Amino acid sequence: MTTGSADQGSRFLDAQLHLLDRQVLDVAGVPVAVVDDLELSDVPASGELPVGTPPPVITALLSGPVLGTRIFGGRPPKSRRHRTPWTAVSDVGVVISLAIPGETTDLTWTERWVRDHVIARIPGGRHDPERKQNDGSTSKGGGS
């Protein structure tokens, strides 16, 4: 498999070794997903590439709820998979880094939903706790 287009240059990657089950971090270094599958271009339905054919190119990283399908078999429906375009990937290393913020993707919709509908309803859940400054004006307690 190769990445990039002809004008960007190409890099050969082993999907299982370099991409699958890797943590995906957004531009701020916040974890947003794990790579569960890949979307490739120009792959024949037969699964075998004729001799002399250029290797497939990665077009997107796919993430989603795959635990149930890994345990019980099958594939998650396409509507449940989240697609991150390959053009958003900035680096492939121990983790896969994106050049976009995670908030702009659908990858973190569950975390945003829990934050907005559950955590926000807890008293004090909408803001960071305020730290009291020790300015000497607070009483230390004590008896009369």
N, C-alpha and C. Protein backbone atom coordinates (compact mmCIF):
# COMPACT_ATOMS: atom_id res chain seq x y z
N MET A 1 0.82 -1.16 0.00
CA MET A 1 0.00 0.00 0.00
C MET A 1 0.88 1.24 0.00
N THR A 2 0.44 2.24 -0.69
CA THR A 2 1.21 3.48 -0.70
C THR A 2 0.33 4.61 -0.18
N THR A 3 0.99 5.66 0.24
CA THR A 3 0.28 6.85 0.69
C THR A 3 0.72 8.01 -0.16
N GLY A 4 -0.11 9.03 -0.23
CA GLY A 4 0.25 10.22 -0.98
C GLY A 4 -0.09 10.09 -2.44
N SER A 5 -0.02 11.21 -3.13
CA SER A 5 -0.26 11.23 -4.56
C SER A 5 1.08 11.35 -5.29
N ALA A 6 1.03 11.36 -6.60
CA ALA A 6 2.27 11.39 -7.38
C ALA A 6 3.06 12.66 -7.11
N ASP A 7 2.36 13.79 -6.85
CA ASP A 7 3.09 15.04 -6.63
C ASP A 7 3.65 15.15 -5.21
N GLN A 8 3.13 14.36 -4.25
CA GLN A 8 3.63 14.40 -2.88
C GLN A 8 4.75 13.40 -2.63
N GLY A 9 4.92 12.47 -3.50
CA GLY A 9 5.84 11.38 -3.25
C GLY A 9 5.07 10.24 -2.61
N SER A 10 5.68 9.08 -2.53
CA SER A 10 4.99 7.93 -1.98
C SER A 10 5.79 7.31 -0.85
N ARG A 11 5.07 6.65 0.03
CA ARG A 11 5.68 5.92 1.14
C ARG A 11 4.96 4.59 1.23
N PHE A 12 5.72 3.51 1.29
CA PHE A 12 5.11 2.19 1.39
C PHE A 12 4.87 1.87 2.86
N LEU A 13 3.64 1.43 3.17
CA LEU A 13 3.27 1.08 4.53
C LEU A 13 2.70 -0.33 4.56
N ASP A 14 3.00 -1.05 5.61
CA ASP A 14 2.37 -2.32 5.89
C ASP A 14 1.16 -1.99 6.77
N ALA A 15 -0.04 -2.23 6.27
CA ALA A 15 -1.25 -1.82 6.99
C ALA A 15 -1.31 -2.42 8.38
N GLN A 16 -1.03 -3.70 8.51
CA GLN A 16 -1.12 -4.34 9.81
C GLN A 16 -0.04 -3.83 10.77
N LEU A 17 1.13 -3.58 10.28
CA LEU A 17 2.24 -3.15 11.12
C LEU A 17 2.18 -1.66 11.46
N HIS A 18 1.85 -0.81 10.49
CA HIS A 18 1.95 0.63 10.68
C HIS A 18 0.63 1.34 10.99
N LEU A 19 -0.53 0.76 10.65
CA LEU A 19 -1.77 1.52 10.72
C LEU A 19 -2.86 0.92 11.61
N LEU A 20 -3.19 -0.35 11.40
CA LEU A 20 -4.33 -0.93 12.10
C LEU A 20 -4.10 -1.00 13.61
N ASP A 21 -5.14 -0.68 14.36
CA ASP A 21 -5.14 -0.66 15.83
C ASP A 21 -4.20 0.39 16.41
N ARG A 22 -3.83 1.39 15.64
CA ARG A 22 -2.99 2.49 16.14
C ARG A 22 -3.88 3.60 16.68
N GLN A 23 -3.39 4.26 17.72
CA GLN A 23 -4.09 5.40 18.31
C GLN A 23 -4.00 6.59 17.36
N VAL A 24 -5.09 7.33 17.20
CA VAL A 24 -5.13 8.52 16.36
C VAL A 24 -5.21 9.73 17.29
N LEU A 25 -4.29 10.68 17.12
CA LEU A 25 -4.26 11.91 17.91
C LEU A 25 -4.59 13.10 17.03
N ASP A 26 -5.35 14.05 17.58
CA ASP A 26 -5.65 15.25 16.80
C ASP A 26 -4.46 16.21 16.85
N VAL A 27 -4.62 17.39 16.29
CA VAL A 27 -3.53 18.35 16.18
C VAL A 27 -3.01 18.79 17.55
N ALA A 28 -3.85 18.73 18.58
CA ALA A 28 -3.44 19.12 19.94
C ALA A 28 -2.87 17.95 20.73
N GLY A 29 -2.79 16.78 20.11
CA GLY A 29 -2.26 15.60 20.80
C GLY A 29 -3.28 14.87 21.64
N VAL A 30 -4.56 15.17 21.45
CA VAL A 30 -5.64 14.53 22.20
C VAL A 30 -6.08 13.26 21.45
N PRO A 31 -6.17 12.11 22.14
CA PRO A 31 -6.62 10.89 21.48
C PRO A 31 -8.06 11.03 21.00
N VAL A 32 -8.32 10.65 19.75
CA VAL A 32 -9.67 10.75 19.21
C VAL A 32 -10.22 9.42 18.72
N ALA A 33 -9.38 8.47 18.38
CA ALA A 33 -9.89 7.21 17.83
C ALA A 33 -8.76 6.18 17.76
N VAL A 34 -9.15 5.00 17.29
CA VAL A 34 -8.21 3.93 16.97
C VAL A 34 -8.55 3.48 15.55
N VAL A 35 -7.56 3.21 14.74
CA VAL A 35 -7.80 2.79 13.36
C VAL A 35 -8.29 1.35 13.36
N ASP A 36 -9.50 1.15 12.83
CA ASP A 36 -10.08 -0.19 12.76
C ASP A 36 -10.01 -0.78 11.36
N ASP A 37 -10.00 0.08 10.35
CA ASP A 37 -10.00 -0.41 8.98
C ASP A 37 -9.48 0.70 8.08
N LEU A 38 -9.24 0.37 6.82
CA LEU A 38 -8.74 1.34 5.85
C LEU A 38 -9.64 1.36 4.64
N GLU A 39 -9.72 2.52 4.01
CA GLU A 39 -10.41 2.65 2.73
C GLU A 39 -9.33 2.81 1.68
N LEU A 40 -9.37 1.98 0.64
CA LEU A 40 -8.35 1.98 -0.40
C LEU A 40 -8.96 2.33 -1.74
N SER A 41 -8.14 2.88 -2.62
CA SER A 41 -8.60 3.18 -3.97
C SER A 41 -8.11 2.09 -4.92
N ASP A 42 -8.88 1.92 -5.97
CA ASP A 42 -8.49 1.03 -7.07
C ASP A 42 -8.16 -0.39 -6.65
N VAL A 43 -9.02 -1.00 -5.84
CA VAL A 43 -8.84 -2.40 -5.45
C VAL A 43 -9.88 -3.21 -6.20
N PRO A 44 -9.45 -4.18 -7.02
CA PRO A 44 -10.42 -4.98 -7.77
C PRO A 44 -11.24 -5.87 -6.83
N ALA A 45 -12.44 -6.19 -7.25
CA ALA A 45 -13.35 -7.02 -6.44
C ALA A 45 -12.78 -8.42 -6.21
N SER A 46 -11.95 -8.91 -7.13
CA SER A 46 -11.39 -10.25 -6.99
C SER A 46 -10.40 -10.34 -5.84
N GLY A 47 -9.84 -9.20 -5.42
CA GLY A 47 -8.90 -9.19 -4.31
C GLY A 47 -7.45 -9.35 -4.75
N GLU A 48 -7.22 -9.78 -5.97
CA GLU A 48 -5.86 -9.95 -6.45
C GLU A 48 -5.53 -8.86 -7.47
N LEU A 49 -4.34 -8.29 -7.32
CA LEU A 49 -3.90 -7.27 -8.26
C LEU A 49 -3.15 -7.92 -9.41
N PRO A 50 -3.47 -7.56 -10.64
CA PRO A 50 -2.70 -8.09 -11.77
C PRO A 50 -1.24 -7.64 -11.68
N VAL A 51 -0.36 -8.43 -12.23
CA VAL A 51 1.06 -8.10 -12.22
C VAL A 51 1.28 -6.79 -12.96
N GLY A 52 2.10 -5.92 -12.37
CA GLY A 52 2.41 -4.64 -12.98
C GLY A 52 1.45 -3.53 -12.61
N THR A 53 0.42 -3.85 -11.84
CA THR A 53 -0.53 -2.83 -11.40
C THR A 53 0.06 -2.07 -10.22
N PRO A 54 -0.08 -0.74 -10.19
CA PRO A 54 0.44 -0.01 -9.03
C PRO A 54 -0.33 -0.40 -7.77
N PRO A 55 0.31 -0.33 -6.62
CA PRO A 55 -0.37 -0.72 -5.39
C PRO A 55 -1.51 0.23 -5.05
N PRO A 56 -2.48 -0.23 -4.25
CA PRO A 56 -3.59 0.64 -3.86
C PRO A 56 -3.10 1.82 -3.02
N VAL A 57 -3.86 2.88 -3.02
CA VAL A 57 -3.54 4.09 -2.26
C VAL A 57 -4.58 4.24 -1.16
N ILE A 58 -4.14 4.59 0.04
CA ILE A 58 -5.05 4.80 1.16
C ILE A 58 -5.79 6.10 0.94
N THR A 59 -7.13 6.06 1.04
CA THR A 59 -7.93 7.26 0.90
C THR A 59 -8.52 7.72 2.23
N ALA A 60 -8.70 6.79 3.20
CA ALA A 60 -9.27 7.19 4.49
C ALA A 60 -8.97 6.14 5.55
N LEU A 61 -8.97 6.61 6.80
CA LEU A 61 -8.90 5.73 7.97
C LEU A 61 -10.32 5.55 8.47
N LEU A 62 -10.70 4.33 8.83
CA LEU A 62 -12.04 4.06 9.32
C LEU A 62 -11.98 3.65 10.78
N SER A 63 -12.87 4.23 11.58
CA SER A 63 -12.96 3.93 13.00
C SER A 63 -14.42 3.75 13.35
N GLY A 64 -14.67 3.07 14.45
CA GLY A 64 -16.05 2.92 14.88
C GLY A 64 -16.20 1.81 15.89
N PRO A 65 -17.45 1.50 16.23
CA PRO A 65 -17.72 0.47 17.23
C PRO A 65 -17.55 -0.93 16.64
N VAL A 66 -16.39 -1.51 16.83
CA VAL A 66 -16.12 -2.82 16.24
C VAL A 66 -15.94 -3.93 17.27
N LEU A 67 -16.04 -3.62 18.56
CA LEU A 67 -15.82 -4.65 19.58
C LEU A 67 -16.80 -5.81 19.41
N GLY A 68 -18.07 -5.50 19.22
CA GLY A 68 -19.07 -6.56 19.05
C GLY A 68 -18.80 -7.42 17.84
N THR A 69 -18.39 -6.80 16.74
CA THR A 69 -18.11 -7.58 15.53
C THR A 69 -16.83 -8.40 15.68
N ARG A 70 -15.89 -7.93 16.49
CA ARG A 70 -14.68 -8.72 16.71
C ARG A 70 -14.99 -9.94 17.57
N ILE A 71 -15.94 -9.81 18.48
CA ILE A 71 -16.30 -10.93 19.35
C ILE A 71 -17.23 -11.89 18.62
N PHE A 72 -18.28 -11.36 17.97
CA PHE A 72 -19.32 -12.21 17.39
C PHE A 72 -19.20 -12.38 15.89
N GLY A 73 -18.27 -11.68 15.25
CA GLY A 73 -18.09 -11.81 13.81
C GLY A 73 -18.93 -10.80 13.05
N GLY A 74 -18.72 -10.74 11.76
CA GLY A 74 -19.46 -9.81 10.92
C GLY A 74 -18.73 -8.49 10.76
N ARG A 75 -19.43 -7.52 10.20
CA ARG A 75 -18.87 -6.19 9.98
C ARG A 75 -19.89 -5.16 10.47
N PRO A 76 -19.40 -4.06 11.03
CA PRO A 76 -20.36 -3.01 11.40
C PRO A 76 -20.93 -2.37 10.14
N PRO A 77 -22.15 -1.87 10.20
CA PRO A 77 -22.71 -1.21 9.01
C PRO A 77 -21.89 0.02 8.64
N LYS A 78 -21.89 0.36 7.37
CA LYS A 78 -21.12 1.51 6.90
C LYS A 78 -21.55 2.80 7.59
N SER A 79 -22.80 2.87 7.97
CA SER A 79 -23.30 4.09 8.62
C SER A 79 -22.71 4.27 10.02
N ARG A 80 -22.17 3.21 10.61
CA ARG A 80 -21.60 3.29 11.96
C ARG A 80 -20.10 3.56 11.94
N ARG A 81 -19.48 3.49 10.76
CA ARG A 81 -18.03 3.74 10.67
C ARG A 81 -17.77 5.22 10.47
N HIS A 82 -16.75 5.72 11.14
CA HIS A 82 -16.35 7.11 11.00
C HIS A 82 -15.15 7.17 10.06
N ARG A 83 -15.24 8.05 9.09
CA ARG A 83 -14.23 8.14 8.03
C ARG A 83 -13.37 9.39 8.26
N THR A 84 -12.05 9.19 8.36
CA THR A 84 -11.11 10.29 8.46
C THR A 84 -10.31 10.31 7.16
N PRO A 85 -10.43 11.37 6.36
CA PRO A 85 -9.70 11.38 5.08
C PRO A 85 -8.19 11.31 5.30
N TRP A 86 -7.53 10.62 4.42
CA TRP A 86 -6.08 10.46 4.53
C TRP A 86 -5.37 11.80 4.44
N THR A 87 -5.98 12.76 3.77
CA THR A 87 -5.36 14.08 3.65
C THR A 87 -5.26 14.79 5.00
N ALA A 88 -6.03 14.34 6.01
CA ALA A 88 -5.97 14.94 7.35
C ALA A 88 -4.83 14.36 8.19
N VAL A 89 -4.19 13.30 7.73
CA VAL A 89 -3.09 12.67 8.47
C VAL A 89 -1.81 13.46 8.24
N SER A 90 -1.17 13.84 9.35
CA SER A 90 0.08 14.60 9.22
C SER A 90 1.32 13.75 9.46
N ASP A 91 1.19 12.65 10.24
CA ASP A 91 2.36 11.84 10.54
C ASP A 91 1.92 10.43 10.92
N VAL A 92 2.71 9.45 10.50
CA VAL A 92 2.49 8.06 10.89
C VAL A 92 3.73 7.60 11.62
N GLY A 93 3.56 7.28 12.88
CA GLY A 93 4.66 6.81 13.71
C GLY A 93 4.11 5.80 14.70
N VAL A 94 4.52 5.92 15.95
CA VAL A 94 3.97 5.06 16.99
C VAL A 94 2.47 5.32 17.12
N VAL A 95 2.07 6.57 16.93
CA VAL A 95 0.67 6.96 16.83
C VAL A 95 0.48 7.65 15.49
N ILE A 96 -0.79 7.79 15.10
CA ILE A 96 -1.10 8.50 13.87
C ILE A 96 -1.58 9.89 14.25
N SER A 97 -0.90 10.90 13.75
CA SER A 97 -1.23 12.28 14.09
C SER A 97 -2.05 12.92 12.97
N LEU A 98 -3.07 13.68 13.37
CA LEU A 98 -3.90 14.40 12.42
C LEU A 98 -3.50 15.87 12.39
N ALA A 99 -3.79 16.52 11.30
CA ALA A 99 -3.51 17.95 11.17
C ALA A 99 -4.75 18.78 11.45
N ILE A 100 -5.80 18.16 11.99
CA ILE A 100 -7.06 18.85 12.27
C ILE A 100 -7.44 18.63 13.73
N PRO A 101 -8.25 19.52 14.30
CA PRO A 101 -8.72 19.31 15.67
C PRO A 101 -9.75 18.18 15.71
N GLY A 102 -9.75 17.42 16.79
CA GLY A 102 -10.69 16.32 16.94
C GLY A 102 -12.13 16.78 17.03
N GLU A 103 -12.37 17.99 17.52
CA GLU A 103 -13.73 18.52 17.65
C GLU A 103 -14.41 18.71 16.30
N THR A 104 -13.63 18.81 15.22
CA THR A 104 -14.22 19.03 13.90
C THR A 104 -14.60 17.72 13.21
N THR A 105 -14.32 16.59 13.85
CA THR A 105 -14.64 15.30 13.26
C THR A 105 -15.79 14.65 14.01
N ASP A 106 -16.35 13.61 13.44
CA ASP A 106 -17.39 12.85 14.11
C ASP A 106 -16.82 11.78 15.03
N LEU A 107 -15.51 11.70 15.13
CA LEU A 107 -14.87 10.66 15.92
C LEU A 107 -15.17 10.78 17.41
N THR A 108 -15.35 12.00 17.89
CA THR A 108 -15.55 12.19 19.33
C THR A 108 -16.99 12.58 19.66
N TRP A 109 -17.95 12.23 18.82
CA TRP A 109 -19.32 12.64 19.07
C TRP A 109 -19.85 12.05 20.37
N THR A 110 -19.46 10.84 20.73
CA THR A 110 -19.97 10.25 21.97
C THR A 110 -19.44 11.01 23.18
N GLU A 111 -18.17 11.38 23.15
CA GLU A 111 -17.62 12.15 24.27
C GLU A 111 -18.27 13.52 24.37
N ARG A 112 -18.51 14.17 23.23
CA ARG A 112 -19.17 15.48 23.25
C ARG A 112 -20.60 15.35 23.77
N TRP A 113 -21.31 14.28 23.37
CA TRP A 113 -22.68 14.07 23.82
C TRP A 113 -22.72 13.86 25.34
N VAL A 114 -21.83 13.01 25.86
CA VAL A 114 -21.78 12.78 27.31
C VAL A 114 -21.43 14.08 28.03
N ARG A 115 -20.48 14.83 27.50
CA ARG A 115 -20.10 16.11 28.13
C ARG A 115 -21.29 17.07 28.18
N ASP A 116 -22.03 17.19 27.08
CA ASP A 116 -23.10 18.16 27.00
C ASP A 116 -24.39 17.72 27.70
N HIS A 117 -24.68 16.41 27.70
CA HIS A 117 -25.96 15.94 28.24
C HIS A 117 -25.87 15.29 29.62
N VAL A 118 -24.70 14.88 30.04
CA VAL A 118 -24.56 14.23 31.35
C VAL A 118 -23.70 15.07 32.28
N ILE A 119 -22.45 15.29 31.92
CA ILE A 119 -21.51 16.01 32.78
C ILE A 119 -21.98 17.44 33.03
N ALA A 120 -22.52 18.10 32.02
CA ALA A 120 -22.96 19.50 32.17
C ALA A 120 -24.10 19.63 33.17
N ARG A 121 -24.85 18.56 33.43
CA ARG A 121 -25.97 18.62 34.37
C ARG A 121 -25.54 18.39 35.81
N ILE A 122 -24.32 17.97 36.01
CA ILE A 122 -23.80 17.79 37.36
C ILE A 122 -23.39 19.16 37.89
N PRO A 123 -23.75 19.51 39.12
CA PRO A 123 -23.33 20.82 39.64
C PRO A 123 -21.82 21.01 39.54
N GLY A 124 -21.42 22.10 38.92
CA GLY A 124 -20.01 22.38 38.72
C GLY A 124 -19.43 21.71 37.50
N GLY A 125 -20.24 21.00 36.72
CA GLY A 125 -19.75 20.26 35.56
C GLY A 125 -19.51 21.10 34.33
N ARG A 126 -19.93 22.36 34.34
CA ARG A 126 -19.77 23.21 33.16
C ARG A 126 -18.49 24.04 33.16
N HIS A 127 -17.73 24.03 34.25
CA HIS A 127 -16.53 24.86 34.31
C HIS A 127 -15.46 24.17 35.15
N ASP A 128 -14.26 24.66 35.02
CA ASP A 128 -13.17 24.17 35.85
C ASP A 128 -13.36 24.69 37.26
N PRO A 129 -12.97 23.93 38.25
CA PRO A 129 -13.11 24.43 39.63
C PRO A 129 -12.24 25.65 39.84
N GLU A 130 -12.79 26.61 40.55
CA GLU A 130 -12.03 27.83 40.85
C GLU A 130 -11.13 27.57 42.04
N ARG A 131 -9.92 28.08 41.97
CA ARG A 131 -8.98 27.93 43.08
C ARG A 131 -9.03 29.19 43.93
N LYS A 132 -9.13 28.98 45.21
CA LYS A 132 -9.15 30.13 46.12
C LYS A 132 -7.73 30.58 46.38
N GLN A 133 -7.54 31.87 46.30
CA GLN A 133 -6.24 32.47 46.60
C GLN A 133 -6.14 32.62 48.11
N ASN A 134 -5.03 32.30 48.70
CA ASN A 134 -4.82 32.48 50.13
C ASN A 134 -4.29 33.89 50.34
N ASP A 135 -5.23 34.84 50.51
CA ASP A 135 -4.83 36.23 50.66
C ASP A 135 -4.87 36.70 52.11
N GLY A 136 -5.07 35.79 53.02
CA GLY A 136 -5.05 36.13 54.43
C GLY A 136 -6.40 36.63 54.93
N SER A 137 -7.39 36.79 54.04
CA SER A 137 -8.67 37.30 54.49
C SER A 137 -9.64 36.21 54.88
N THR A 138 -9.28 34.97 54.63
CA THR A 138 -10.17 33.88 55.01
C THR A 138 -9.97 33.55 56.47
N SER A 139 -11.03 33.16 57.10
CA SER A 139 -10.92 32.82 58.53
C SER A 139 -10.38 31.42 58.66
N LYS A 140 -9.58 31.20 59.63
CA LYS A 140 -8.97 29.90 59.88
C LYS A 140 -9.86 29.02 60.73
N GLY A 141 -11.00 29.51 61.10
CA GLY A 141 -11.87 28.73 61.97
C GLY A 141 -11.42 28.90 63.41
N GLY A 142 -12.04 28.25 64.25
CA GLY A 142 -11.66 28.39 65.66
C GLY A 142 -12.90 28.64 66.49
N GLY A 143 -12.78 28.69 67.74
CA GLY A 143 -13.94 28.83 68.60
C GLY A 143 -13.97 30.18 69.25
N SER A 144 -15.06 30.43 69.90
CA SER A 144 -15.17 31.67 70.62
C SER A 144 -14.89 31.50 72.07
